[in-house]
């Protein structure tokens, strides 16, 4: 059944997509056809990257497409679906995506160097305008599942104090999106969301059934 299903993987900020390799191979072993979308997370705008993702999907002439986005990749994916004409059917899984904003990123923008490091996409889609404000129509038309980590090991703790469950970069509460089909916490940190084998069956479960395994 999965041999007819394509998954497009979308990486997070500062990453070229190689870090998605383990997840991509594991999904491939389950029978999915996988494609990696890479984008300029710092120097290109949110809408520009969303348009590029739309064009990437259309260029592959897909009749069906699931999308798995890690961190900022989930934001770009949701923005693409919010902007685009109807896309091929499929489900979306966001892994540690700051859909309701990011305290760590907001704190970092208080410094000039921080603003330059973060770039346009995260500023436009996470800090200035959160997905929880502009993605409401997406969850009405497409199943969206969210996996949040709760092991607090990551760079975000250097710039802010969360005071709540977090994955070291994004707080669990920051991953929540009203109207999403399912939301799951896992004992992983932010990076491990694309590395840990235990994440794969949860992604597969949502892509197949629209819900995570409890």
C-alpha atoms as a PDB file:
ATOM      1  CA  UNK A   1       0.000   0.000   0.000  1.00  0.00           C
ATOM      2  CA  UNK A   2       2.774   2.453   0.937  1.00  0.00           C
ATOM      3  CA  UNK A   3       4.505   1.891  -2.397  1.00  0.00           C
ATOM      4  CA  UNK A   4       2.001   4.274  -3.936  1.00  0.00           C
ATOM      5  CA  UNK A   5       2.604   6.987  -1.362  1.00  0.00           C
ATOM      6  CA  UNK A   6       5.208   9.740  -1.543  1.00  0.00           C
ATOM      7  CA  UNK A   7       6.633  11.580   1.456  1.00  0.00           C
ATOM      8  CA  UNK A   8       8.341  14.939   0.983  1.00  0.00           C
ATOM      9  CA  UNK A   9      10.741  15.743   3.842  1.00  0.00           C
ATOM     10  CA  UNK A  10      11.459  19.377   4.727  1.00  0.00           C
ATOM     11  CA  UNK A  11      14.444  20.185   6.958  1.00  0.00           C
ATOM     12  CA  UNK A  12      14.803  22.804   9.677  1.00  0.00           C
ATOM     13  CA  UNK A  13      16.822  26.009   9.962  1.00  0.00           C
ATOM     14  CA  UNK A  14      20.565  25.997   9.133  1.00  0.00           C
ATOM     15  CA  UNK A  15      20.310  22.453   7.795  1.00  0.00           C
ATOM     16  CA  UNK A  16      20.903  21.259   4.206  1.00  0.00           C
ATOM     17  CA  UNK A  17      18.605  18.247   4.497  1.00  0.00           C
ATOM     18  CA  UNK A  18      21.307  15.620   5.117  1.00  0.00           C
ATOM     19  CA  UNK A  19      20.197  15.345   8.759  1.00  0.00           C
ATOM     20  CA  UNK A  20      16.884  13.956   7.468  1.00  0.00           C
ATOM     21  CA  UNK A  21      18.727  11.024   5.864  1.00  0.00           C
ATOM     22  CA  UNK A  22      18.058   8.464   8.605  1.00  0.00           C
ATOM     23  CA  UNK A  23      14.363   9.298   8.736  1.00  0.00           C
ATOM     24  CA  UNK A  24      14.165   9.215   4.964  1.00  0.00           C
ATOM     25  CA  UNK A  25      15.814   5.789   4.723  1.00  0.00           C
ATOM     26  CA  UNK A  26      13.642   4.340   7.479  1.00  0.00           C
ATOM     27  CA  UNK A  27      10.468   5.549   5.811  1.00  0.00           C
ATOM     28  CA  UNK A  28      11.776   4.146   2.544  1.00  0.00           C
ATOM     29  CA  UNK A  29      12.165   0.719   4.146  1.00  0.00           C
ATOM     30  CA  UNK A  30       8.483   0.858   5.085  1.00  0.00           C
ATOM     31  CA  UNK A  31       7.642   1.231   1.404  1.00  0.00           C
ATOM     32  CA  UNK A  32       7.272   4.985   0.981  1.00  0.00           C
ATOM     33  CA  UNK A  33       8.799   6.857  -1.907  1.00  0.00           C
ATOM     34  CA  UNK A  34      10.718   9.721  -0.277  1.00  0.00           C
ATOM     35  CA  UNK A  35      11.839  13.071  -1.655  1.00  0.00           C
ATOM     36  CA  UNK A  36      13.998  15.673   0.096  1.00  0.00           C
ATOM     37  CA  UNK A  37      13.145  19.362  -0.355  1.00  0.00           C
ATOM     38  CA  UNK A  38      15.942  21.775   0.501  1.00  0.00           C
ATOM     39  CA  UNK A  39      15.566  25.526   0.884  1.00  0.00           C
ATOM     40  CA  UNK A  40      17.434  28.648   1.991  1.00  0.00           C
ATOM     41  CA  UNK A  41      16.224  28.950   5.555  1.00  0.00           C
ATOM     42  CA  UNK A  42      18.079  32.189   6.351  1.00  0.00           C
ATOM     43  CA  UNK A  43      18.344  34.257   3.165  1.00  0.00           C
ATOM     44  CA  UNK A  44      14.947  33.590   1.573  1.00  0.00           C
ATOM     45  CA  UNK A  45      11.553  34.726   2.780  1.00  0.00           C
ATOM     46  CA  UNK A  46       8.928  32.419   4.238  1.00  0.00           C
ATOM     47  CA  UNK A  47       6.596  32.902   1.286  1.00  0.00           C
ATOM     48  CA  UNK A  48       9.458  32.463  -1.179  1.00  0.00           C
ATOM     49  CA  UNK A  49      10.359  29.116   0.376  1.00  0.00           C
ATOM     50  CA  UNK A  50       6.702  28.092   0.488  1.00  0.00           C
ATOM     51  CA  UNK A  51       6.362  28.824  -3.230  1.00  0.00           C
ATOM     52  CA  UNK A  52       9.524  26.828  -3.938  1.00  0.00           C
ATOM     53  CA  UNK A  53       8.085  23.868  -2.025  1.00  0.00           C
ATOM     54  CA  UNK A  54       4.848  24.109  -4.000  1.00  0.00           C
ATOM     55  CA  UNK A  55       6.801  24.162  -7.275  1.00  0.00           C
ATOM     56  CA  UNK A  56       8.912  21.215  -6.118  1.00  0.00           C
ATOM     57  CA  UNK A  57       5.811  19.114  -5.460  1.00  0.00           C
ATOM     58  CA  UNK A  58       4.187  20.110  -8.743  1.00  0.00           C
ATOM     59  CA  UNK A  59       7.378  19.408 -10.699  1.00  0.00           C
ATOM     60  CA  UNK A  60       7.267  15.809  -9.462  1.00  0.00           C
ATOM     61  CA  UNK A  61       3.709  15.376 -10.796  1.00  0.00           C
ATOM     62  CA  UNK A  62       2.447  13.722  -7.624  1.00  0.00           C
ATOM     63  CA  UNK A  63      -1.135  12.513  -7.347  1.00  0.00           C
ATOM     64  CA  UNK A  64      -0.722  12.153  -3.581  1.00  0.00           C
ATOM     65  CA  UNK A  65       1.847  13.592  -1.197  1.00  0.00           C
ATOM     66  CA  UNK A  66       2.491  13.435   2.530  1.00  0.00           C
ATOM     67  CA  UNK A  67       4.771  16.059   4.070  1.00  0.00           C
ATOM     68  CA  UNK A  68       7.048  15.610   7.085  1.00  0.00           C
ATOM     69  CA  UNK A  69       8.651  18.833   8.291  1.00  0.00           C
ATOM     70  CA  UNK A  70      11.205  19.164  11.062  1.00  0.00           C
ATOM     71  CA  UNK A  71      11.157  22.380  13.106  1.00  0.00           C
ATOM     72  CA  UNK A  72      11.120  25.332  10.673  1.00  0.00           C
ATOM     73  CA  UNK A  73      10.405  22.850   7.898  1.00  0.00           C
ATOM     74  CA  UNK A  74       6.965  22.319   9.393  1.00  0.00           C
ATOM     75  CA  UNK A  75       6.346  26.063   9.263  1.00  0.00           C
ATOM     76  CA  UNK A  76       7.362  26.244   5.594  1.00  0.00           C
ATOM     77  CA  UNK A  77       5.120  23.255   4.829  1.00  0.00           C
ATOM     78  CA  UNK A  78       2.104  24.766   6.556  1.00  0.00           C
ATOM     79  CA  UNK A  79       2.703  28.116   4.849  1.00  0.00           C
ATOM     80  CA  UNK A  80       2.801  26.403   1.468  1.00  0.00           C
ATOM     81  CA  UNK A  81      -0.542  24.736   2.150  1.00  0.00           C
ATOM     82  CA  UNK A  82      -2.024  28.014   3.400  1.00  0.00           C
ATOM     83  CA  UNK A  83      -0.917  29.908   0.270  1.00  0.00           C
ATOM     84  CA  UNK A  84      -1.296  27.402  -2.532  1.00  0.00           C
ATOM     85  CA  UNK A  85      -4.197  26.320  -4.725  1.00  0.00           C
ATOM     86  CA  UNK A  86      -5.444  22.826  -3.843  1.00  0.00           C
ATOM     87  CA  UNK A  87      -2.532  20.391  -3.541  1.00  0.00           C
ATOM     88  CA  UNK A  88      -2.519  16.602  -3.975  1.00  0.00           C
ATOM     89  CA  UNK A  89      -4.132  14.809  -1.011  1.00  0.00           C
ATOM     90  CA  UNK A  90      -2.055  13.586   1.909  1.00  0.00           C
ATOM     91  CA  UNK A  91      -1.245  14.186   5.554  1.00  0.00           C
ATOM     92  CA  UNK A  92       1.280  16.425   7.319  1.00  0.00           C
ATOM     93  CA  UNK A  93       3.509  15.620  10.288  1.00  0.00           C
ATOM     94  CA  UNK A  94       5.332  18.458  12.053  1.00  0.00           C
ATOM     95  CA  UNK A  95       8.293  17.418  14.202  1.00  0.00           C
ATOM     96  CA  UNK A  96       9.078  19.975  16.908  1.00  0.00           C
ATOM     97  CA  UNK A  97       7.777  22.853  14.802  1.00  0.00           C
ATOM     98  CA  UNK A  98       7.193  26.135  16.690  1.00  0.00           C
ATOM     99  CA  UNK A  99       3.669  26.573  15.340  1.00  0.00           C
ATOM    100  CA  UNK A 100       2.705  28.847  18.237  1.00  0.00           C
ATOM    101  CA  UNK A 101       5.889  30.924  18.282  1.00  0.00           C
ATOM    102  CA  UNK A 102       9.309  30.471  19.821  1.00  0.00           C
ATOM    103  CA  UNK A 103      10.588  32.065  23.001  1.00  0.00           C
ATOM    104  CA  UNK A 104      14.172  31.115  22.138  1.00  0.00           C
ATOM    105  CA  UNK A 105      14.024  32.638  18.652  1.00  0.00           C
ATOM    106  CA  UNK A 106      12.269  35.765  19.912  1.00  0.00           C
ATOM    107  CA  UNK A 107      14.921  36.209  22.563  1.00  0.00           C
ATOM    108  CA  UNK A 108      17.710  35.770  20.010  1.00  0.00           C
ATOM    109  CA  UNK A 109      16.287  38.513  17.784  1.00  0.00           C
ATOM    110  CA  UNK A 110      16.915  41.027  20.559  1.00  0.00           C
ATOM    111  CA  UNK A 111      20.527  40.981  19.404  1.00  0.00           C
ATOM    112  CA  UNK A 112      21.693  42.200  16.005  1.00  0.00           C
ATOM    113  CA  UNK A 113      23.797  39.105  15.386  1.00  0.00           C
ATOM    114  CA  UNK A 114      20.851  36.945  16.409  1.00  0.00           C
ATOM    115  CA  UNK A 115      18.598  38.550  13.801  1.00  0.00           C
ATOM    116  CA  UNK A 116      21.182  37.901  11.092  1.00  0.00           C
ATOM    117  CA  UNK A 117      21.717  34.305  12.166  1.00  0.00           C
ATOM    118  CA  UNK A 118      18.005  33.481  12.208  1.00  0.00           C
ATOM    119  CA  UNK A 119      17.188  35.195   8.924  1.00  0.00           C
ATOM    120  CA  UNK A 120      13.876  35.947   7.250  1.00  0.00           C
ATOM    121  CA  UNK A 121      11.924  32.702   7.197  1.00  0.00           C
ATOM    122  CA  UNK A 122      11.804  32.134  10.947  1.00  0.00           C
ATOM    123  CA  UNK A 123      11.222  35.816  11.628  1.00  0.00           C
ATOM    124  CA  UNK A 124       8.239  35.963   9.273  1.00  0.00           C
ATOM    125  CA  UNK A 125       6.687  32.578  10.120  1.00  0.00           C
ATOM    126  CA  UNK A 126       7.454  32.188  13.809  1.00  0.00           C
ATOM    127  CA  UNK A 127       8.245  35.527  15.454  1.00  0.00           C
ATOM    128  CA  UNK A 128       6.232  38.186  13.606  1.00  0.00           C
ATOM    129  CA  UNK A 129       3.292  36.013  12.514  1.00  0.00           C
ATOM    130  CA  UNK A 130       2.755  32.632  14.134  1.00  0.00           C
ATOM    131  CA  UNK A 131       1.326  29.690  12.236  1.00  0.00           C
ATOM    132  CA  UNK A 132      -1.398  29.411  14.856  1.00  0.00           C
ATOM    133  CA  UNK A 133      -2.753  32.663  13.394  1.00  0.00           C
ATOM    134  CA  UNK A 134      -2.493  31.973   9.650  1.00  0.00           C
ATOM    135  CA  UNK A 135      -2.790  28.161   9.353  1.00  0.00           C
ATOM    136  CA  UNK A 136      -6.339  27.763  10.634  1.00  0.00           C
ATOM    137  CA  UNK A 137      -7.768  26.882   7.220  1.00  0.00           C
ATOM    138  CA  UNK A 138      -5.079  24.266   6.613  1.00  0.00           C
ATOM    139  CA  UNK A 139      -6.202  22.079   9.516  1.00  0.00           C
ATOM    140  CA  UNK A 140      -9.775  22.214   8.225  1.00  0.00           C
ATOM    141  CA  UNK A 141      -8.743  20.727   4.880  1.00  0.00           C
ATOM    142  CA  UNK A 142      -5.872  18.382   5.785  1.00  0.00           C
ATOM    143  CA  UNK A 143      -4.919  16.090   8.660  1.00  0.00           C
ATOM    144  CA  UNK A 144      -2.012  17.601  10.599  1.00  0.00           C
ATOM    145  CA  UNK A 145      -0.169  15.638  13.272  1.00  0.00           C
ATOM    146  CA  UNK A 146       2.428  17.105  15.616  1.00  0.00           C
ATOM    147  CA  UNK A 147       5.178  15.363  17.567  1.00  0.00           C
ATOM    148  CA  UNK A 148       6.866  17.331  20.353  1.00  0.00           C
ATOM    149  CA  UNK A 149       9.966  16.317  22.273  1.00  0.00           C
ATOM    150  CA  UNK A 150      10.231  16.794  26.036  1.00  0.00           C
ATOM    151  CA  UNK A 151      13.916  16.056  26.727  1.00  0.00           C
ATOM    152  CA  UNK A 152      15.392  19.521  27.469  1.00  0.00           C
ATOM    153  CA  UNK A 153      18.766  19.270  25.756  1.00  0.00           C
ATOM    154  CA  UNK A 154      19.522  21.845  23.078  1.00  0.00           C
ATOM    155  CA  UNK A 155      20.814  25.252  22.044  1.00  0.00           C
ATOM    156  CA  UNK A 156      17.595  27.044  22.953  1.00  0.00           C
ATOM    157  CA  UNK A 157      18.373  26.708  26.651  1.00  0.00           C
ATOM    158  CA  UNK A 158      21.418  28.915  26.158  1.00  0.00           C
ATOM    159  CA  UNK A 159      19.316  31.937  25.200  1.00  0.00           C
ATOM    160  CA  UNK A 160      16.158  31.466  27.253  1.00  0.00           C
ATOM    161  CA  UNK A 161      14.722  29.739  30.312  1.00  0.00           C
ATOM    162  CA  UNK A 162      11.648  27.777  29.307  1.00  0.00           C
ATOM    163  CA  UNK A 163      10.060  27.044  32.677  1.00  0.00           C
ATOM    164  CA  UNK A 164       7.945  24.345  31.034  1.00  0.00           C
ATOM    165  CA  UNK A 165       8.432  21.025  29.182  1.00  0.00           C
ATOM    166  CA  UNK A 166      10.629  21.490  26.114  1.00  0.00           C
ATOM    167  CA  UNK A 167      12.985  19.692  23.745  1.00  0.00           C
ATOM    168  CA  UNK A 168      15.901  22.033  24.387  1.00  0.00           C
ATOM    169  CA  UNK A 169      14.914  24.319  21.505  1.00  0.00           C
ATOM    170  CA  UNK A 170      11.105  24.493  21.367  1.00  0.00           C
ATOM    171  CA  UNK A 171       8.635  24.277  24.269  1.00  0.00           C
ATOM    172  CA  UNK A 172       5.905  21.651  24.015  1.00  0.00           C
ATOM    173  CA  UNK A 173       3.261  24.388  24.251  1.00  0.00           C
ATOM    174  CA  UNK A 174       4.884  26.146  21.273  1.00  0.00           C
ATOM    175  CA  UNK A 175       4.230  23.114  19.068  1.00  0.00           C
ATOM    176  CA  UNK A 176       0.478  23.128  19.574  1.00  0.00           C
ATOM    177  CA  UNK A 177      -1.904  24.196  16.823  1.00  0.00           C
ATOM    178  CA  UNK A 178      -5.671  24.524  17.339  1.00  0.00           C
ATOM    179  CA  UNK A 179      -7.519  22.149  15.036  1.00  0.00           C
ATOM    180  CA  UNK A 180      -4.607  19.761  14.477  1.00  0.00           C
ATOM    181  CA  UNK A 181      -5.743  16.146  14.225  1.00  0.00           C
ATOM    182  CA  UNK A 182      -3.330  14.765  16.832  1.00  0.00           C
ATOM    183  CA  UNK A 183      -0.489  15.867  19.109  1.00  0.00           C
ATOM    184  CA  UNK A 184       2.036  13.555  20.759  1.00  0.00           C
ATOM    185  CA  UNK A 185       4.864  14.084  23.253  1.00  0.00           C
ATOM    186  CA  UNK A 186       7.912  11.844  23.027  1.00  0.00           C
ATOM    187  CA  UNK A 187      11.001  11.461  25.210  1.00  0.00           C
ATOM    188  CA  UNK A 188      13.434  12.957  22.682  1.00  0.00           C
ATOM    189  CA  UNK A 189      15.192  16.266  22.222  1.00  0.00           C
ATOM    190  CA  UNK A 190      14.846  18.555  19.214  1.00  0.00           C
ATOM    191  CA  UNK A 191      17.513  16.957  17.034  1.00  0.00           C
ATOM    192  CA  UNK A 192      16.522  13.409  17.964  1.00  0.00           C
ATOM    193  CA  UNK A 193      13.106  13.954  16.385  1.00  0.00           C
ATOM    194  CA  UNK A 194      14.721  13.083  13.037  1.00  0.00           C
ATOM    195  CA  UNK A 195      17.228  10.541  14.380  1.00  0.00           C
ATOM    196  CA  UNK A 196      15.527   8.280  16.942  1.00  0.00           C
ATOM    197  CA  UNK A 197      14.062   5.061  15.483  1.00  0.00           C
ATOM    198  CA  UNK A 198      11.035   5.312  17.805  1.00  0.00           C
ATOM    199  CA  UNK A 199       9.796   8.386  15.926  1.00  0.00           C
ATOM    200  CA  UNK A 200       9.404   6.476  12.650  1.00  0.00           C
ATOM    201  CA  UNK A 201       6.458   4.204  13.587  1.00  0.00           C
ATOM    202  CA  UNK A 202       4.643   7.238  14.978  1.00  0.00           C
ATOM    203  CA  UNK A 203       5.114   9.136  11.716  1.00  0.00           C
ATOM    204  CA  UNK A 204       3.997   6.058   9.777  1.00  0.00           C
ATOM    205  CA  UNK A 205       0.942   5.607  11.997  1.00  0.00           C
ATOM    206  CA  UNK A 206      -0.212   9.156  11.393  1.00  0.00           C
ATOM    207  CA  UNK A 207       0.417   9.036   7.651  1.00  0.00           C
ATOM    208  CA  UNK A 208      -1.601   5.822   7.413  1.00  0.00           C
ATOM    209  CA  UNK A 209      -4.334   6.349   9.990  1.00  0.00           C
ATOM    210  CA  UNK A 210      -4.430  10.023  10.925  1.00  0.00           C
ATOM    211  CA  UNK A 211      -3.464   9.338  14.533  1.00  0.00           C
ATOM    212  CA  UNK A 212      -0.455   8.440  16.630  1.00  0.00           C
ATOM    213  CA  UNK A 213      -0.022   5.224  18.632  1.00  0.00           C
ATOM    214  CA  UNK A 214      -0.677   5.423  22.373  1.00  0.00           C
END
